[in-house]
Amino acid sequence: MSQSGIIFDVKRFAVHDGPGIRTTVFFKGCPLNCQWCHNPESRRHRPEALPMNGYHRCARWLRPDEPGVVGKEVTAERCLSEIEKDVIFYDQSGGGVTFSGGEPLMQPAFLGALLSGCRSRNIQTAIDTSGHAAWSDIEPLLPETDLFLYDLKIVDDEQHRLRTGVSNDQIIENLKRLHDASAHVIIRVPLIPGITDTTTNLTDIRSLVDSMDGVTDLHLLPYNTIARDKYRRFGKTDPMDHLQKQTPDELQAIRTLFSGHDLDVKIGG
C-alpha cells in the first residue's frame, strides 16, 4: 500500500530553501506555536476549512475537492511525480527538493518514502526542520537525506518555551546528535526583532555552534512582513504585526557577532 501524508503547498523554483533551484514541499502540522509563525495555515495536522477570503491558491493537483480547505492527503508516488518534473532545473543548478512545513518530521513515514523515492531518482534532498522530534524518527532518515536546514531560534530554554510553546532541550540534543553523526547541517536563525536577534541570544547561538566544529554554515534569516497578508486572508490575528524589518546596517551588525569564527555566515537562506 502506498504511503500517504498531508501537505498544503508545493513551491517550484525556490531559491531560498537550500542550494540551487529547488522544489519545496510543505507538510501540514507543527509541534511548535511560534509567535512569529509565517505559515499559520501549517499548524494543524489535518486539512482545515479557512475563511473564503483566505482560499489557498495552490497547484491544481493539490487543491482539495472543497474550496476554502487548506491541506490535502496525497500519496508519495503522486508527490514524487510532481517533483520529478523539475529534474532538469536541479541538474543545471545543483538544486533538489526541500521538505518543509510546518514540520516534516511529524510525518516520518511519509517523509521517509519521499526521501527514498528521491534517492532512487538521484534527486538531492533537504529537510527544513525545527528539530523538535524524536531521535528515533530522525535517525532512520540520515542515509536518505543530503542536507538538514536546522532552525535554531532561542538558546535560553525559558524564553524558548515562552515564544514557541515548547522546550528546546530536544532541539539542541538532536542538533548535537546530527553533528556527531556527521550529517550535513546548515544552521538557520530566524531574526525576529527583539526576540531572537538580541545580542544575548545571538551570542548564545554562537557559543553553541562553536562547540560543534562540524557545523560550518550559518544563515541569518532577516525578518519580513509577508505573513501579514496571510493572517488577514485567513481571518487570523498576527501577534507580530507591530514589528519592522531589520535595516541593512542592523543586519551587518548582527553578522559581525559571528566574525572571527570558522563559519560561513550568510544573510538570507
C-alpha atoms as a PDB file:
ATOM      1  CA  MET A   1       0.000   0.000   0.000  1.00  0.00           C
ATOM      2  CA  SER A   2       1.298   3.420  -0.908  1.00  0.00           C
ATOM      3  CA  GLN A   3       2.444   5.694   1.912  1.00  0.00           C
ATOM      4  CA  SER A   4       0.475   8.942   2.102  1.00  0.00           C
ATOM      5  CA  GLY A   5       0.687  12.189   4.014  1.00  0.00           C
ATOM      6  CA  ILE A   6      -0.832  15.652   4.297  1.00  0.00           C
ATOM      7  CA  ILE A   7       0.743  18.646   2.566  1.00  0.00           C
ATOM      8  CA  PHE A   8      -0.612  22.117   1.943  1.00  0.00           C
ATOM      9  CA  ASP A   9       1.582  23.588  -0.787  1.00  0.00           C
ATOM     10  CA  VAL A  10       4.377  22.948  -3.258  1.00  0.00           C
ATOM     11  CA  LYS A  11       6.591  25.825  -4.369  1.00  0.00           C
ATOM     12  CA  ARG A  12       8.566  25.445  -7.562  1.00  0.00           C
ATOM     13  CA  PHE A  13      11.746  27.344  -8.497  1.00  0.00           C
ATOM     14  CA  ALA A  14      12.527  28.116  -4.840  1.00  0.00           C
ATOM     15  CA  VAL A  15      15.952  29.681  -4.293  1.00  0.00           C
ATOM     16  CA  HIS A  16      15.929  30.279  -0.519  1.00  0.00           C
ATOM     17  CA  ASP A  17      15.361  26.738   0.736  1.00  0.00           C
ATOM     18  CA  GLY A  18      18.786  25.256   0.143  1.00  0.00           C
ATOM     19  CA  PRO A  19      21.361  25.299  -2.673  1.00  0.00           C
ATOM     20  CA  GLY A  20      20.392  25.768  -6.303  1.00  0.00           C
ATOM     21  CA  ILE A  21      16.871  25.806  -7.742  1.00  0.00           C
ATOM     22  CA  ARG A  22      14.548  23.707  -5.622  1.00  0.00           C
ATOM     23  CA  THR A  23      11.033  22.397  -5.254  1.00  0.00           C
ATOM     24  CA  THR A  24       9.763  22.922  -1.704  1.00  0.00           C
ATOM     25  CA  VAL A  25       7.068  20.610  -0.367  1.00  0.00           C
ATOM     26  CA  PHE A  26       5.194  21.999   2.641  1.00  0.00           C
ATOM     27  CA  PHE A  27       3.968  19.445   5.183  1.00  0.00           C
ATOM     28  CA  LYS A  28       0.955  20.236   7.344  1.00  0.00           C
ATOM     29  CA  GLY A  29       1.298  20.098  11.101  1.00  0.00           C
ATOM     30  CA  CYS A  30       3.775  21.625  13.549  1.00  0.00           C
ATOM     31  CA  PRO A  31       4.544  20.861  17.227  1.00  0.00           C
ATOM     32  CA  LEU A  32       5.663  24.452  17.852  1.00  0.00           C
ATOM     33  CA  ASN A  33       3.497  27.518  18.249  1.00  0.00           C
ATOM     34  CA  CYS A  34       5.986  30.247  17.333  1.00  0.00           C
ATOM     35  CA  GLN A  35       4.614  33.706  17.925  1.00  0.00           C
ATOM     36  CA  TRP A  36       6.075  34.876  14.594  1.00  0.00           C
ATOM     37  CA  CYS A  37       4.921  31.896  12.500  1.00  0.00           C
ATOM     38  CA  HIS A  38       4.913  32.784   8.784  1.00  0.00           C
ATOM     39  CA  ASN A  39       2.732  29.826   7.793  1.00  0.00           C
ATOM     40  CA  PRO A  40      -0.248  29.914  10.178  1.00  0.00           C
ATOM     41  CA  GLU A  41      -2.120  27.541   7.866  1.00  0.00           C
ATOM     42  CA  SER A  42       0.529  24.888   8.523  1.00  0.00           C
ATOM     43  CA  ARG A  43      -0.005  24.353  12.231  1.00  0.00           C
ATOM     44  CA  ARG A  44      -2.854  21.837  12.340  1.00  0.00           C
ATOM     45  CA  HIS A  45      -2.016  18.313  11.241  1.00  0.00           C
ATOM     46  CA  ARG A  46      -5.099  17.857   9.092  1.00  0.00           C
ATOM     47  CA  PRO A  47      -6.902  19.607   6.257  1.00  0.00           C
ATOM     48  CA  GLU A  48      -8.865  22.554   7.629  1.00  0.00           C
ATOM     49  CA  ALA A  49     -11.503  24.935   6.411  1.00  0.00           C
ATOM     50  CA  LEU A  50     -10.454  28.567   6.473  1.00  0.00           C
ATOM     51  CA  PRO A  51     -12.424  31.713   5.573  1.00  0.00           C
ATOM     52  CA  MET A  52     -13.166  32.071   1.868  1.00  0.00           C
ATOM     53  CA  ASN A  53     -11.114  35.256   1.713  1.00  0.00           C
ATOM     54  CA  GLY A  54      -8.178  33.049   2.594  1.00  0.00           C
ATOM     55  CA  TYR A  55      -8.668  30.449  -0.121  1.00  0.00           C
ATOM     56  CA  HIS A  56      -5.323  28.836  -0.720  1.00  0.00           C
ATOM     57  CA  ARG A  57      -4.352  29.034  -4.371  1.00  0.00           C
ATOM     58  CA  CYS A  58      -2.021  26.087  -4.632  1.00  0.00           C
ATOM     59  CA  ALA A  59      -1.246  23.850  -7.612  1.00  0.00           C
ATOM     60  CA  ARG A  60      -4.290  22.350  -9.291  1.00  0.00           C
ATOM     61  CA  TRP A  61      -3.294  18.762  -8.463  1.00  0.00           C
ATOM     62  CA  LEU A  62      -3.059  19.705  -4.778  1.00  0.00           C
ATOM     63  CA  ARG A  63      -6.362  21.545  -4.459  1.00  0.00           C
ATOM     64  CA  PRO A  64      -8.871  19.831  -2.154  1.00  0.00           C
ATOM     65  CA  ASP A  65     -12.255  18.960  -3.592  1.00  0.00           C
ATOM     66  CA  GLU A  66     -13.873  21.577  -1.360  1.00  0.00           C
ATOM     67  CA  PRO A  67     -12.861  25.254  -1.858  1.00  0.00           C
ATOM     68  CA  GLY A  68     -11.664  27.028   1.270  1.00  0.00           C
ATOM     69  CA  VAL A  69      -9.889  23.955   2.633  1.00  0.00           C
ATOM     70  CA  VAL A  70      -6.118  24.027   3.172  1.00  0.00           C
ATOM     71  CA  GLY A  71      -4.229  20.748   3.108  1.00  0.00           C
ATOM     72  CA  LYS A  72      -4.693  17.532   1.167  1.00  0.00           C
ATOM     73  CA  GLU A  73      -3.761  13.901   1.675  1.00  0.00           C
ATOM     74  CA  VAL A  74      -1.570  12.690  -1.186  1.00  0.00           C
ATOM     75  CA  THR A  75       0.437   9.560  -1.892  1.00  0.00           C
ATOM     76  CA  ALA A  76       4.198   9.598  -2.006  1.00  0.00           C
ATOM     77  CA  GLU A  77       4.053   8.443  -5.641  1.00  0.00           C
ATOM     78  CA  ARG A  78       1.831  11.377  -6.621  1.00  0.00           C
ATOM     79  CA  CYS A  79       4.098  13.856  -4.911  1.00  0.00           C
ATOM     80  CA  LEU A  80       7.230  12.311  -6.433  1.00  0.00           C
ATOM     81  CA  SER A  81       5.734  12.522  -9.909  1.00  0.00           C
ATOM     82  CA  GLU A  82       5.406  16.285  -9.449  1.00  0.00           C
ATOM     83  CA  ILE A  83       8.916  16.622  -8.012  1.00  0.00           C
ATOM     84  CA  GLU A  84      10.362  14.783 -10.997  1.00  0.00           C
ATOM     85  CA  LYS A  85       9.037  17.399 -13.396  1.00  0.00           C
ATOM     86  CA  ASP A  86      11.737  19.829 -12.241  1.00  0.00           C
ATOM     87  CA  VAL A  87      14.736  17.472 -12.507  1.00  0.00           C
ATOM     88  CA  ILE A  88      16.276  19.496 -15.346  1.00  0.00           C
ATOM     89  CA  PHE A  89      16.427  22.569 -13.092  1.00  0.00           C
ATOM     90  CA  TYR A  90      18.009  20.578 -10.255  1.00  0.00           C
ATOM     91  CA  ASP A  91      20.641  19.165 -12.578  1.00  0.00           C
ATOM     92  CA  GLN A  92      21.534  22.551 -14.032  1.00  0.00           C
ATOM     93  CA  SER A  93      21.712  24.428 -10.735  1.00  0.00           C
ATOM     94  CA  GLY A  94      22.838  21.867  -8.178  1.00  0.00           C
ATOM     95  CA  GLY A  95      19.408  22.022  -6.577  1.00  0.00           C
ATOM     96  CA  GLY A  96      16.863  19.473  -5.462  1.00  0.00           C
ATOM     97  CA  VAL A  97      13.820  19.115  -3.250  1.00  0.00           C
ATOM     98  CA  THR A  98      13.311  20.563   0.229  1.00  0.00           C
ATOM     99  CA  PHE A  99      10.732  19.154   2.622  1.00  0.00           C
ATOM    100  CA  SER A 100       9.448  21.944   4.836  1.00  0.00           C
ATOM    101  CA  GLY A 101       6.305  22.839   6.741  1.00  0.00           C
ATOM    102  CA  GLY A 102       5.010  23.018   9.316  1.00  0.00           C
ATOM    103  CA  GLU A 103       7.304  20.270  10.488  1.00  0.00           C
ATOM    104  CA  PRO A 104       8.027  17.405   8.081  1.00  0.00           C
ATOM    105  CA  LEU A 105       9.299  15.192  10.906  1.00  0.00           C
ATOM    106  CA  MET A 106       5.738  14.995  12.248  1.00  0.00           C
ATOM    107  CA  GLN A 107       5.043  12.634   9.323  1.00  0.00           C
ATOM    108  CA  PRO A 108       8.183  10.449   9.409  1.00  0.00           C
ATOM    109  CA  ALA A 109       6.854   7.502   7.393  1.00  0.00           C
ATOM    110  CA  PHE A 110       5.603   9.716   4.572  1.00  0.00           C
ATOM    111  CA  LEU A 111       8.796  11.772   4.672  1.00  0.00           C
ATOM    112  CA  GLY A 112      10.877   8.610   4.566  1.00  0.00           C
ATOM    113  CA  ALA A 113       9.015   7.348   1.498  1.00  0.00           C
ATOM    114  CA  LEU A 114       9.621  10.653  -0.292  1.00  0.00           C
ATOM    115  CA  LEU A 115      13.302  10.727   0.631  1.00  0.00           C
ATOM    116  CA  SER A 116      13.769   7.158  -0.539  1.00  0.00           C
ATOM    117  CA  GLY A 117      11.970   7.919  -3.787  1.00  0.00           C
ATOM    118  CA  CYS A 118      14.172  10.937  -4.393  1.00  0.00           C
ATOM    119  CA  ARG A 119      17.296   8.920  -3.655  1.00  0.00           C
ATOM    120  CA  SER A 120      16.300   6.304  -6.235  1.00  0.00           C
ATOM    121  CA  ARG A 121      15.828   9.132  -8.768  1.00  0.00           C
ATOM    122  CA  ASN A 122      19.166  10.790  -7.902  1.00  0.00           C
ATOM    123  CA  ILE A 123      17.412  13.932  -6.618  1.00  0.00           C
ATOM    124  CA  GLN A 124      19.247  15.867  -3.893  1.00  0.00           C
ATOM    125  CA  THR A 125      17.200  16.235  -0.685  1.00  0.00           C
ATOM    126  CA  ALA A 126      16.958  18.636   2.252  1.00  0.00           C
ATOM    127  CA  ILE A 127      14.801  18.645   5.380  1.00  0.00           C
ATOM    128  CA  ASP A 128      13.886  22.059   6.780  1.00  0.00           C
ATOM    129  CA  THR A 129      13.194  21.313  10.438  1.00  0.00           C
ATOM    130  CA  SER A 130      12.795  22.818  13.885  1.00  0.00           C
ATOM    131  CA  GLY A 131      14.493  19.714  15.277  1.00  0.00           C
ATOM    132  CA  HIS A 132      11.624  19.100  17.688  1.00  0.00           C
ATOM    133  CA  ALA A 133      11.122  15.391  17.038  1.00  0.00           C
ATOM    134  CA  ALA A 134      12.078  12.023  18.483  1.00  0.00           C
ATOM    135  CA  TRP A 135      15.579  10.920  17.508  1.00  0.00           C
ATOM    136  CA  SER A 136      14.045   7.550  16.615  1.00  0.00           C
ATOM    137  CA  ASP A 137      12.176   9.363  13.814  1.00  0.00           C
ATOM    138  CA  ILE A 138      15.262  11.245  12.621  1.00  0.00           C
ATOM    139  CA  GLU A 139      17.962   8.578  12.676  1.00  0.00           C
ATOM    140  CA  PRO A 140      16.425   6.273  10.010  1.00  0.00           C
ATOM    141  CA  LEU A 141      16.300   9.233   7.607  1.00  0.00           C
ATOM    142  CA  LEU A 142      20.018  10.023   7.769  1.00  0.00           C
ATOM    143  CA  PRO A 143      21.101   7.751   4.883  1.00  0.00           C
ATOM    144  CA  GLU A 144      18.462   9.289   2.594  1.00  0.00           C
ATOM    145  CA  THR A 145      18.985  12.971   3.481  1.00  0.00           C
ATOM    146  CA  ASP A 146      21.680  15.137   1.890  1.00  0.00           C
ATOM    147  CA  LEU A 147      21.123  18.258   3.975  1.00  0.00           C
ATOM    148  CA  PHE A 148      19.383  19.416   7.145  1.00  0.00           C
ATOM    149  CA  LEU A 149      18.307  23.068   7.268  1.00  0.00           C
ATOM    150  CA  TYR A 150      18.127  23.346  11.037  1.00  0.00           C
ATOM    151  CA  ASP A 151      16.176  26.244  12.530  1.00  0.00           C
ATOM    152  CA  LEU A 152      17.820  27.431  15.738  1.00  0.00           C
ATOM    153  CA  LYS A 153      15.667  30.092  17.326  1.00  0.00           C
ATOM    154  CA  ILE A 154      16.404  30.686  21.014  1.00  0.00           C
ATOM    155  CA  VAL A 155      19.010  29.050  23.249  1.00  0.00           C
ATOM    156  CA  ASP A 156      17.563  30.039  26.631  1.00  0.00           C
ATOM    157  CA  ASP A 157      15.017  27.338  27.446  1.00  0.00           C
ATOM    158  CA  GLU A 158      12.659  29.578  29.427  1.00  0.00           C
ATOM    159  CA  GLN A 159      12.481  32.103  26.589  1.00  0.00           C
ATOM    160  CA  HIS A 160      12.085  29.296  24.043  1.00  0.00           C
ATOM    161  CA  ARG A 161       9.097  27.940  25.974  1.00  0.00           C
ATOM    162  CA  LEU A 162       7.604  31.426  26.190  1.00  0.00           C
ATOM    163  CA  ARG A 163       7.972  32.193  22.479  1.00  0.00           C
ATOM    164  CA  THR A 164       7.332  28.781  20.890  1.00  0.00           C
ATOM    165  CA  GLY A 165       5.354  26.830  23.463  1.00  0.00           C
ATOM    166  CA  VAL A 166       7.923  24.025  23.822  1.00  0.00           C
ATOM    167  CA  SER A 167      11.267  23.359  25.487  1.00  0.00           C
ATOM    168  CA  ASN A 168      14.377  23.417  23.318  1.00  0.00           C
ATOM    169  CA  ASP A 169      16.099  20.536  25.146  1.00  0.00           C
ATOM    170  CA  GLN A 170      15.191  18.028  22.442  1.00  0.00           C
ATOM    171  CA  ILE A 171      16.044  20.502  19.679  1.00  0.00           C
ATOM    172  CA  ILE A 172      19.574  21.123  20.956  1.00  0.00           C
ATOM    173  CA  GLU A 173      20.141  17.442  21.717  1.00  0.00           C
ATOM    174  CA  ASN A 174      19.088  16.430  18.199  1.00  0.00           C
ATOM    175  CA  LEU A 175      21.391  19.068  16.692  1.00  0.00           C
ATOM    176  CA  LYS A 176      24.310  17.608  18.636  1.00  0.00           C
ATOM    177  CA  ARG A 177      23.360  14.093  17.521  1.00  0.00           C
ATOM    178  CA  LEU A 178      23.230  15.164  13.881  1.00  0.00           C
ATOM    179  CA  HIS A 179      26.648  16.723  14.297  1.00  0.00           C
ATOM    180  CA  ASP A 180      28.043  13.561  15.885  1.00  0.00           C
ATOM    181  CA  ALA A 181      26.562  11.526  13.020  1.00  0.00           C
ATOM    182  CA  SER A 182      28.458  13.765  10.539  1.00  0.00           C
ATOM    183  CA  ALA A 183      25.217  14.897   8.906  1.00  0.00           C
ATOM    184  CA  HIS A 184      25.422  17.939   6.653  1.00  0.00           C
ATOM    185  CA  VAL A 185      23.717  20.689   8.650  1.00  0.00           C
ATOM    186  CA  ILE A 186      23.179  24.365   7.910  1.00  0.00           C
ATOM    187  CA  ILE A 187      22.051  26.345  10.955  1.00  0.00           C
ATOM    188  CA  ARG A 188      19.330  28.858  10.112  1.00  0.00           C
ATOM    189  CA  VAL A 189      18.466  31.615  12.581  1.00  0.00           C
ATOM    190  CA  PRO A 190      15.190  33.487  12.014  1.00  0.00           C
ATOM    191  CA  LEU A 191      15.887  37.059  13.112  1.00  0.00           C
ATOM    192  CA  ILE A 192      12.790  38.228  14.973  1.00  0.00           C
ATOM    193  CA  PRO A 193      13.255  41.806  16.211  1.00  0.00           C
ATOM    194  CA  GLY A 194      13.681  41.986  19.971  1.00  0.00           C
ATOM    195  CA  ILE A 195      13.191  38.226  20.371  1.00  0.00           C
ATOM    196  CA  THR A 196      15.795  36.162  18.527  1.00  0.00           C
ATOM    197  CA  ASP A 197      18.039  38.953  17.241  1.00  0.00           C
ATOM    198  CA  THR A 198      19.191  40.149  20.656  1.00  0.00           C
ATOM    199  CA  THR A 199      22.910  40.227  21.388  1.00  0.00           C
ATOM    200  CA  THR A 200      22.407  37.797  24.279  1.00  0.00           C
ATOM    201  CA  ASN A 201      20.615  35.197  22.169  1.00  0.00           C
ATOM    202  CA  LEU A 202      22.944  35.500  19.198  1.00  0.00           C
ATOM    203  CA  THR A 203      25.982  35.185  21.470  1.00  0.00           C
ATOM    204  CA  ASP A 204      24.460  32.038  22.964  1.00  0.00           C
ATOM    205  CA  ILE A 205      23.897  30.653  19.452  1.00  0.00           C
ATOM    206  CA  ARG A 206      27.491  31.468  18.519  1.00  0.00           C
ATOM    207  CA  SER A 207      28.772  29.611  21.593  1.00  0.00           C
ATOM    208  CA  LEU A 208      26.609  26.574  20.832  1.00  0.00           C
ATOM    209  CA  VAL A 209      27.674  26.435  17.201  1.00  0.00           C
ATOM    210  CA  ASP A 210      31.326  26.935  18.149  1.00  0.00           C
ATOM    211  CA  SER A 211      31.115  23.762  20.242  1.00  0.00           C
ATOM    212  CA  MET A 212      30.368  21.734  17.089  1.00  0.00           C
ATOM    213  CA  ASP A 213      33.306  22.030  14.717  1.00  0.00           C
ATOM    214  CA  GLY A 214      31.493  20.056  12.008  1.00  0.00           C
ATOM    215  CA  VAL A 215      28.984  22.884  11.511  1.00  0.00           C
ATOM    216  CA  THR A 216      30.492  25.344   9.057  1.00  0.00           C
ATOM    217  CA  ASP A 217      27.477  27.202   7.635  1.00  0.00           C
ATOM    218  CA  LEU A 218      25.074  29.573   9.347  1.00  0.00           C
ATOM    219  CA  HIS A 219      22.305  31.513   7.640  1.00  0.00           C
ATOM    220  CA  LEU A 220      20.738  34.595   9.222  1.00  0.00           C
ATOM    221  CA  LEU A 221      17.159  34.953   8.007  1.00  0.00           C
ATOM    222  CA  PRO A 222      16.001  38.611   8.111  1.00  0.00           C
ATOM    223  CA  TYR A 223      12.543  39.295   9.440  1.00  0.00           C
ATOM    224  CA  ASN A 224       9.947  40.002   6.790  1.00  0.00           C
ATOM    225  CA  THR A 225       6.301  41.003   6.843  1.00  0.00           C
ATOM    226  CA  ILE A 226       4.947  38.773   4.074  1.00  0.00           C
ATOM    227  CA  ALA A 227       2.888  36.769   6.561  1.00  0.00           C
ATOM    228  CA  ARG A 228       0.697  39.743   7.455  1.00  0.00           C
ATOM    229  CA  ASP A 229      -1.404  39.328   4.349  1.00  0.00           C
ATOM    230  CA  LYS A 230      -1.771  35.611   5.115  1.00  0.00           C
ATOM    231  CA  TYR A 231      -3.104  36.318   8.588  1.00  0.00           C
ATOM    232  CA  ARG A 232      -5.571  38.782   7.133  1.00  0.00           C
ATOM    233  CA  ARG A 233      -6.734  36.434   4.375  1.00  0.00           C
ATOM    234  CA  PHE A 234      -7.129  33.523   6.761  1.00  0.00           C
ATOM    235  CA  GLY A 235      -9.052  35.567   9.310  1.00  0.00           C
ATOM    236  CA  LYS A 236      -6.328  35.234  11.941  1.00  0.00           C
ATOM    237  CA  THR A 237      -4.609  37.771  14.182  1.00  0.00           C
ATOM    238  CA  ASP A 238      -0.912  38.367  13.580  1.00  0.00           C
ATOM    239  CA  PRO A 239       0.690  38.779  17.041  1.00  0.00           C
ATOM    240  CA  MET A 240       3.806  40.292  15.458  1.00  0.00           C
ATOM    241  CA  ASP A 241       2.152  42.940  13.285  1.00  0.00           C
ATOM    242  CA  HIS A 242       3.977  45.697  15.165  1.00  0.00           C
ATOM    243  CA  LEU A 243       7.446  44.508  14.179  1.00  0.00           C
ATOM    244  CA  GLN A 244       9.533  46.091  11.435  1.00  0.00           C
ATOM    245  CA  LYS A 245      12.206  44.569   9.216  1.00  0.00           C
ATOM    246  CA  GLN A 246      15.852  44.992  10.161  1.00  0.00           C
ATOM    247  CA  THR A 247      17.792  47.619   8.202  1.00  0.00           C
ATOM    248  CA  PRO A 248      20.856  46.586   6.140  1.00  0.00           C
ATOM    249  CA  ASP A 249      23.088  48.198   8.760  1.00  0.00           C
ATOM    250  CA  GLU A 250      21.403  46.254  11.544  1.00  0.00           C
ATOM    251  CA  LEU A 251      21.839  43.010   9.619  1.00  0.00           C
ATOM    252  CA  GLN A 252      25.535  43.668   9.077  1.00  0.00           C
ATOM    253  CA  ALA A 253      25.952  44.422  12.779  1.00  0.00           C
ATOM    254  CA  ILE A 254      24.342  41.073  13.587  1.00  0.00           C
ATOM    255  CA  ARG A 255      26.648  39.343  11.149  1.00  0.00           C
ATOM    256  CA  THR A 256      29.721  40.820  12.835  1.00  0.00           C
ATOM    257  CA  LEU A 257      28.770  38.982  16.040  1.00  0.00           C
ATOM    258  CA  PHE A 258      29.875  35.813  14.263  1.00  0.00           C
ATOM    259  CA  SER A 259      33.042  37.235  12.738  1.00  0.00           C
ATOM    260  CA  GLY A 260      36.375  35.687  13.640  1.00  0.00           C
ATOM    261  CA  HIS A 261      34.852  32.235  13.836  1.00  0.00           C
ATOM    262  CA  ASP A 262      35.298  29.352  11.426  1.00  0.00           C
ATOM    263  CA  LEU A 263      31.837  29.830   9.956  1.00  0.00           C
ATOM    264  CA  ASP A 264      30.491  30.801   6.568  1.00  0.00           C
ATOM    265  CA  VAL A 265      27.816  33.279   7.659  1.00  0.00           C
ATOM    266  CA  LYS A 266      25.237  34.315   5.086  1.00  0.00           C
ATOM    267  CA  ILE A 267      22.384  36.781   5.338  1.00  0.00           C
ATOM    268  CA  GLY A 268      19.404  35.037   3.772  1.00  0.00           C
ATOM    269  CA  GLY A 269      18.567  31.387   3.083  1.00  0.00           C
END
